[in-house]
Amino acid sequence: MNALPAEYIRQLARAALAEDVGAGDITTNAAVPADMSAQAAMVAREPCVVAGLPLVVAVFGECDPRLRVEPLVADGARVTPATTVCRLTGLARGILIGERTALNFLQRLSGVATLTAEFVAAVVGTRAVILDTRKTTPTLRRLEKYAVAVGGGVNHRLGLYDAMMVKDNHRAILARLGPAALAEAVARVRRDHPRAPVIIEADSLSDVEAALAAGADQILLDNMACDEMREAVALVAGRARTEASGGVRLDNVAEIAATGVDYISVGALTHSPRAIDFSLEIAMGAE
């Protein structure tokens, strides 16, 4: 995924601040003089792949356009504990008001990027590419898929509109419509959405054969054991791309990749990343 558009970033920052600040930060406004200056540093407290700094810049810019926000690394940088990733200088109120919102974006997105990088590293030496899924936080899919790309993963379809993916429930309905229904559905997509890839889920080798017969571009091997997956890859024999999905973990992804699949989709990248520990450390007195 390409860099996030500036207006999209601004909209996210404004929405997040509206949720947090509401009518005003009653604590900061009562405790901190309006003209007091400060410096602050955003510091990584553990190793990670950094993602989300454009959101940090936007958040503090919305809090106080006069703040100087200086990222010291770029998204995608691998940092060690105690690394300062961003410096801030300006009025203390703006720094304090934006602190939690900026950290939330940075911690969440760096968590996604770091977990993705771990999965990518685990399959080095194989042909497998790590994909994300649609298992994202509602309204934040584009943002989380950006973080996957920062971590070295590849984005799967963005939504229901940019690829045909026939899942188990679709197949259950198509089975009631007759043996030709799957191929007919594929033909309709080819006609109406000629640029959309056709992906068909398969739970068994017979499902793989049906997907091939229907003209799938990509066959999703769902929750298959590695031995069966290896048979499926041999059966496909390059006539379609193969994707492993279901139950993928860091402790088994290398074994899955060794079956020869082209892609491995990992829902955990966006539904279960652990937030990376960052802190904002403030010091009084601006330069």
Protein backbone atom coordinates (compact mmCIF):
# COMPACT_ATOMS: atom_id res chain seq x y z
CA MET A 1 0.00 0.00 0.00
CA ASN A 2 1.24 3.48 -0.84
CA ALA A 3 1.75 6.29 1.67
CA LEU A 4 -1.44 7.43 3.33
CA PRO A 5 -3.03 10.57 1.82
CA ALA A 6 -2.52 13.70 3.90
CA GLU A 7 -6.24 14.49 4.11
CA TYR A 8 -7.04 10.98 5.32
CA ILE A 9 -4.40 11.34 8.03
CA ARG A 10 -5.83 14.71 9.10
CA GLN A 11 -9.35 13.29 9.27
CA LEU A 12 -8.20 10.41 11.47
CA ALA A 13 -6.30 12.76 13.77
CA ARG A 14 -9.28 15.08 14.11
CA ALA A 15 -11.71 12.23 14.81
CA ALA A 16 -9.42 10.67 17.41
CA LEU A 17 -8.88 13.99 19.16
CA ALA A 18 -12.58 14.77 19.14
CA GLU A 19 -13.20 11.46 20.89
CA ASP A 20 -10.53 12.11 23.52
CA VAL A 21 -10.57 15.86 24.06
CA GLY A 22 -14.25 16.58 23.62
CA ALA A 23 -15.04 20.05 24.95
CA GLY A 24 -11.53 20.46 26.35
CA ASP A 25 -8.80 18.95 28.53
CA ILE A 26 -9.98 20.11 31.94
CA THR A 27 -6.85 18.85 33.71
CA THR A 28 -4.29 20.47 31.43
CA ASN A 29 -6.23 23.72 31.18
CA ALA A 30 -6.39 23.96 34.99
CA ALA A 31 -2.84 22.86 35.76
CA VAL A 32 -0.66 24.19 32.95
CA PRO A 33 -0.24 27.92 32.18
CA ALA A 34 -1.18 28.78 28.61
CA ASP A 35 2.23 30.31 27.88
CA MET A 36 4.42 27.57 29.38
CA SER A 37 6.84 25.93 26.95
CA ALA A 38 8.23 22.41 27.02
CA GLN A 39 10.24 19.87 25.12
CA ALA A 40 9.29 16.21 24.82
CA ALA A 41 10.62 12.99 23.36
CA MET A 42 8.69 9.94 22.16
CA VAL A 43 10.80 6.94 23.09
CA ALA A 44 10.57 3.26 22.14
CA ARG A 45 10.84 1.05 25.19
CA GLU A 46 11.28 -2.21 23.29
CA PRO A 47 12.58 -3.37 19.89
CA CYS A 48 10.08 -2.76 17.12
CA VAL A 49 9.33 -1.70 13.57
CA VAL A 50 8.04 1.86 13.78
CA ALA A 51 4.76 2.77 12.08
CA GLY A 52 2.42 5.69 12.59
CA LEU A 53 4.68 8.73 12.70
CA PRO A 54 2.61 10.63 10.09
CA LEU A 55 -0.33 10.28 12.49
CA VAL A 56 1.82 11.59 15.36
CA VAL A 57 2.71 14.67 13.33
CA ALA A 58 -0.93 15.24 12.38
CA VAL A 59 -2.24 14.82 15.94
CA PHE A 60 0.12 17.38 17.44
CA GLY A 61 -0.44 19.71 14.48
CA GLU A 62 -4.15 19.65 15.22
CA CYS A 63 -3.54 20.29 18.93
CA ASP A 64 -1.32 23.30 18.28
CA PRO A 65 -0.06 24.21 14.79
CA ARG A 66 2.81 26.11 16.44
CA LEU A 67 4.35 22.92 17.87
CA ARG A 68 7.57 21.76 16.24
CA VAL A 69 7.21 18.03 15.64
CA GLU A 70 10.39 16.37 14.44
CA PRO A 71 10.36 12.64 13.58
CA LEU A 72 13.86 11.23 13.94
CA VAL A 73 13.22 7.99 12.05
CA ALA A 74 10.87 7.01 9.24
CA ASP A 75 8.04 4.51 9.27
CA GLY A 76 9.58 1.10 8.66
CA ALA A 77 12.66 1.77 10.77
CA ARG A 78 13.74 -1.01 13.12
CA VAL A 79 14.65 0.52 16.46
CA THR A 80 16.07 -0.68 19.76
CA PRO A 81 14.92 0.16 23.29
CA ALA A 82 15.53 3.77 24.40
CA THR A 83 15.48 5.06 20.82
CA THR A 84 13.90 8.51 20.50
CA VAL A 85 11.65 8.39 17.45
CA CYS A 86 10.23 11.92 17.63
CA ARG A 87 10.99 15.23 19.37
CA LEU A 88 8.49 17.96 20.18
CA THR A 89 9.05 21.57 21.11
CA GLY A 90 6.45 24.21 21.90
CA LEU A 91 3.68 25.05 24.31
CA ALA A 92 3.20 22.40 26.95
CA ARG A 93 -0.59 22.31 26.67
CA GLY A 94 -0.55 21.14 23.09
CA ILE A 95 1.94 18.39 23.89
CA LEU A 96 -0.09 17.12 26.86
CA ILE A 97 -3.41 17.25 25.04
CA GLY A 98 -2.12 15.20 22.10
CA GLU A 99 0.04 12.80 24.09
CA ARG A 100 -2.34 9.86 24.51
CA THR A 101 -3.87 10.04 21.04
CA ALA A 102 -0.46 10.19 19.36
CA LEU A 103 0.84 7.30 21.47
CA ASN A 104 -2.26 5.22 20.72
CA PHE A 105 -1.68 5.50 16.97
CA LEU A 106 2.05 4.87 17.29
CA GLN A 107 1.71 1.89 19.63
CA ARG A 108 -1.05 0.19 17.65
CA LEU A 109 0.45 0.65 14.20
CA SER A 110 3.97 -0.25 15.33
CA GLY A 111 2.47 -3.39 16.85
CA VAL A 112 0.95 -4.36 13.49
CA ALA A 113 4.19 -3.59 11.63
CA THR A 114 6.36 -5.45 14.13
CA LEU A 115 4.21 -8.59 14.12
CA THR A 116 4.10 -8.54 10.33
CA ALA A 117 7.90 -8.28 10.17
CA GLU A 118 8.20 -11.32 12.44
CA PHE A 119 6.00 -13.39 10.13
CA VAL A 120 7.89 -12.17 7.05
CA ALA A 121 11.21 -13.11 8.66
CA ALA A 122 9.89 -16.57 9.53
CA VAL A 123 9.29 -17.48 5.87
CA VAL A 124 12.53 -16.12 4.41
CA GLY A 125 13.99 -18.66 1.99
CA THR A 126 10.59 -19.86 0.77
CA ARG A 127 8.36 -18.54 -2.01
CA ALA A 128 5.58 -17.63 0.41
CA VAL A 129 4.37 -14.03 0.71
CA ILE A 130 2.64 -12.90 3.91
CA LEU A 131 -0.81 -11.38 3.34
CA ASP A 132 -3.19 -9.58 5.66
CA THR A 133 -6.98 -10.09 5.78
CA ARG A 134 -10.19 -8.12 6.31
CA LYS A 135 -10.05 -8.86 10.05
CA THR A 136 -9.37 -5.25 10.87
CA THR A 137 -10.68 -2.65 13.31
CA PRO A 138 -13.87 -1.14 11.83
CA THR A 139 -13.15 2.20 10.08
CA LEU A 140 -9.36 1.68 10.45
CA ARG A 141 -8.75 -0.94 7.75
CA ARG A 142 -6.78 1.34 5.46
CA LEU A 143 -4.59 2.44 8.36
CA GLU A 144 -3.91 -1.07 9.61
CA LYS A 145 -3.20 -2.39 6.13
CA TYR A 146 -0.73 0.47 5.73
CA ALA A 147 1.06 -0.78 8.85
CA VAL A 148 1.17 -4.31 7.41
CA ALA A 149 2.89 -2.95 4.31
CA VAL A 150 5.34 -1.01 6.51
CA GLY A 151 6.22 -4.29 8.20
CA GLY A 152 6.97 -5.99 4.89
CA GLY A 153 3.67 -7.78 4.32
CA VAL A 154 1.42 -7.52 1.27
CA ASN A 155 -2.16 -6.33 1.31
CA HIS A 156 -4.91 -8.77 0.38
CA ARG A 157 -8.16 -7.35 -1.00
CA LEU A 158 -9.20 -4.10 0.65
CA GLY A 159 -12.87 -4.98 0.77
CA LEU A 160 -15.74 -6.77 -0.89
CA TYR A 161 -15.44 -4.57 -3.98
CA ASP A 162 -11.96 -5.30 -5.36
CA ALA A 163 -11.82 -9.10 -5.62
CA MET A 164 -14.18 -12.05 -5.85
CA MET A 165 -13.59 -14.37 -2.90
CA VAL A 166 -15.89 -17.38 -2.68
CA LYS A 167 -15.88 -18.47 0.97
CA ASP A 168 -17.49 -21.47 2.68
CA ASN A 169 -20.89 -19.82 3.14
CA HIS A 170 -20.95 -18.73 -0.50
CA ARG A 171 -20.17 -22.31 -1.49
CA ALA A 172 -22.95 -23.64 0.71
CA ILE A 173 -25.45 -21.44 -1.10
CA LEU A 174 -23.99 -22.17 -4.53
CA ALA A 175 -24.26 -25.91 -3.85
CA ARG A 176 -28.03 -25.48 -3.49
CA LEU A 177 -28.16 -23.78 -6.89
CA GLY A 178 -26.67 -26.68 -8.77
CA PRO A 179 -23.29 -28.00 -9.99
CA ALA A 180 -22.82 -25.24 -12.56
CA ALA A 181 -23.50 -22.36 -10.15
CA LEU A 182 -19.88 -21.73 -9.14
CA ALA A 183 -18.60 -21.48 -12.70
CA GLU A 184 -21.57 -19.27 -13.61
CA ALA A 185 -20.82 -16.91 -10.74
CA VAL A 186 -17.19 -16.70 -11.83
CA ALA A 187 -18.28 -15.95 -15.39
CA ARG A 188 -20.48 -13.09 -14.18
CA VAL A 189 -17.56 -11.55 -12.31
CA ARG A 190 -15.31 -11.93 -15.35
CA ARG A 191 -17.93 -10.10 -17.39
CA ASP A 192 -18.87 -7.35 -14.94
CA HIS A 193 -15.55 -6.86 -13.11
CA PRO A 194 -12.86 -8.00 -15.54
CA ARG A 195 -9.98 -6.65 -13.44
CA ALA A 196 -11.07 -8.33 -10.22
CA PRO A 197 -9.09 -11.45 -9.27
CA VAL A 198 -11.13 -14.58 -8.58
CA ILE A 199 -10.26 -16.36 -5.33
CA ILE A 200 -12.06 -19.55 -4.30
CA GLU A 201 -11.77 -21.19 -0.91
CA ALA A 202 -11.14 -24.94 -0.74
CA ASP A 203 -11.41 -27.21 2.30
CA SER A 204 -10.42 -30.41 0.49
CA LEU A 205 -8.69 -31.69 -2.62
CA SER A 206 -12.05 -32.14 -4.32
CA ASP A 207 -12.78 -28.46 -3.59
CA VAL A 208 -9.43 -27.61 -5.18
CA GLU A 209 -10.44 -29.49 -8.34
CA ALA A 210 -13.77 -27.64 -8.40
CA ALA A 211 -12.03 -24.29 -8.01
CA LEU A 212 -9.69 -25.10 -10.88
CA ALA A 213 -12.60 -26.15 -13.06
CA ALA A 214 -14.38 -22.87 -12.27
CA GLY A 215 -11.35 -20.88 -13.40
CA ALA A 216 -9.99 -19.53 -10.12
CA ASP A 217 -6.99 -17.24 -10.25
CA GLN A 218 -6.17 -18.09 -6.65
CA ILE A 219 -7.23 -20.97 -4.41
CA LEU A 220 -7.43 -20.43 -0.67
CA LEU A 221 -6.49 -23.65 1.15
CA ASP A 222 -8.48 -23.26 4.33
CA ASN A 223 -7.34 -24.98 7.53
CA MET A 224 -5.64 -27.80 5.69
CA ALA A 225 -2.95 -29.91 7.34
CA CYS A 226 0.46 -29.38 5.80
CA ASP A 227 0.52 -32.79 4.09
CA GLU A 228 -2.82 -32.10 2.41
CA MET A 229 -1.68 -28.59 1.50
CA ARG A 230 1.40 -30.03 -0.18
CA GLU A 231 -0.86 -32.36 -2.20
CA ALA A 232 -3.05 -29.41 -3.14
CA VAL A 233 -0.07 -27.40 -4.39
CA ALA A 234 0.99 -30.39 -6.51
CA LEU A 235 -2.55 -30.78 -7.84
CA VAL A 236 -2.77 -27.13 -8.82
CA ALA A 237 0.61 -27.39 -10.56
CA GLY A 238 0.87 -23.68 -11.29
CA ARG A 239 -2.57 -23.36 -12.87
CA ALA A 240 -3.58 -20.93 -10.11
CA ARG A 241 -1.91 -19.24 -7.18
CA THR A 242 -2.28 -20.96 -3.83
CA GLU A 243 -2.95 -19.34 -0.47
CA ALA A 244 -2.79 -20.97 2.95
CA SER A 245 -5.22 -19.66 5.54
CA GLY A 246 -6.47 -20.60 8.97
CA GLY A 247 -4.59 -21.32 12.18
CA VAL A 248 -1.41 -19.59 11.05
CA ARG A 249 0.97 -18.78 13.92
CA LEU A 250 4.59 -17.78 14.24
CA ASP A 251 5.44 -21.29 15.45
CA ASN A 252 3.97 -23.01 12.38
CA VAL A 253 4.23 -20.49 9.54
CA ALA A 254 7.62 -21.80 8.34
CA GLU A 255 6.20 -25.32 8.07
CA ILE A 256 3.23 -23.99 6.12
CA ALA A 257 5.52 -22.00 3.81
CA ALA A 258 7.56 -25.16 3.12
CA THR A 259 4.52 -26.75 1.44
CA GLY A 260 5.13 -24.50 -1.56
CA VAL A 261 2.13 -22.19 -1.30
CA ASP A 262 2.41 -18.77 -2.92
CA TYR A 263 0.71 -16.83 -0.13
CA ILE A 264 -0.06 -17.18 3.56
CA SER A 265 -2.83 -14.98 4.93
CA VAL A 266 -2.62 -14.10 8.61
CA GLY A 267 -5.60 -12.58 10.37
CA ALA A 268 -3.57 -12.06 13.53
CA LEU A 269 -1.57 -9.27 11.88
CA THR A 270 -4.47 -6.89 12.39
CA HIS A 271 -6.82 -8.56 14.86
CA SER A 272 -4.29 -9.58 17.52
CA PRO A 273 -1.13 -7.45 17.47
CA ARG A 274 0.33 -6.46 20.81
CA ALA A 275 0.74 -2.70 21.27
CA ILE A 276 4.38 -1.65 21.31
CA ASP A 277 5.51 0.17 24.44
CA PHE A 278 6.33 3.81 23.73
CA SER A 279 6.49 6.67 26.20
CA LEU A 280 6.36 10.45 25.89
CA GLU A 281 8.88 12.05 28.21
CA ILE A 282 8.47 15.77 28.84
CA ALA A 283 11.03 18.34 29.96
CA MET A 284 10.36 21.97 30.77
CA GLY A 285 11.77 24.85 28.76
CA ALA A 286 11.84 25.16 24.99
CA GLU A 287 14.95 25.91 23.01
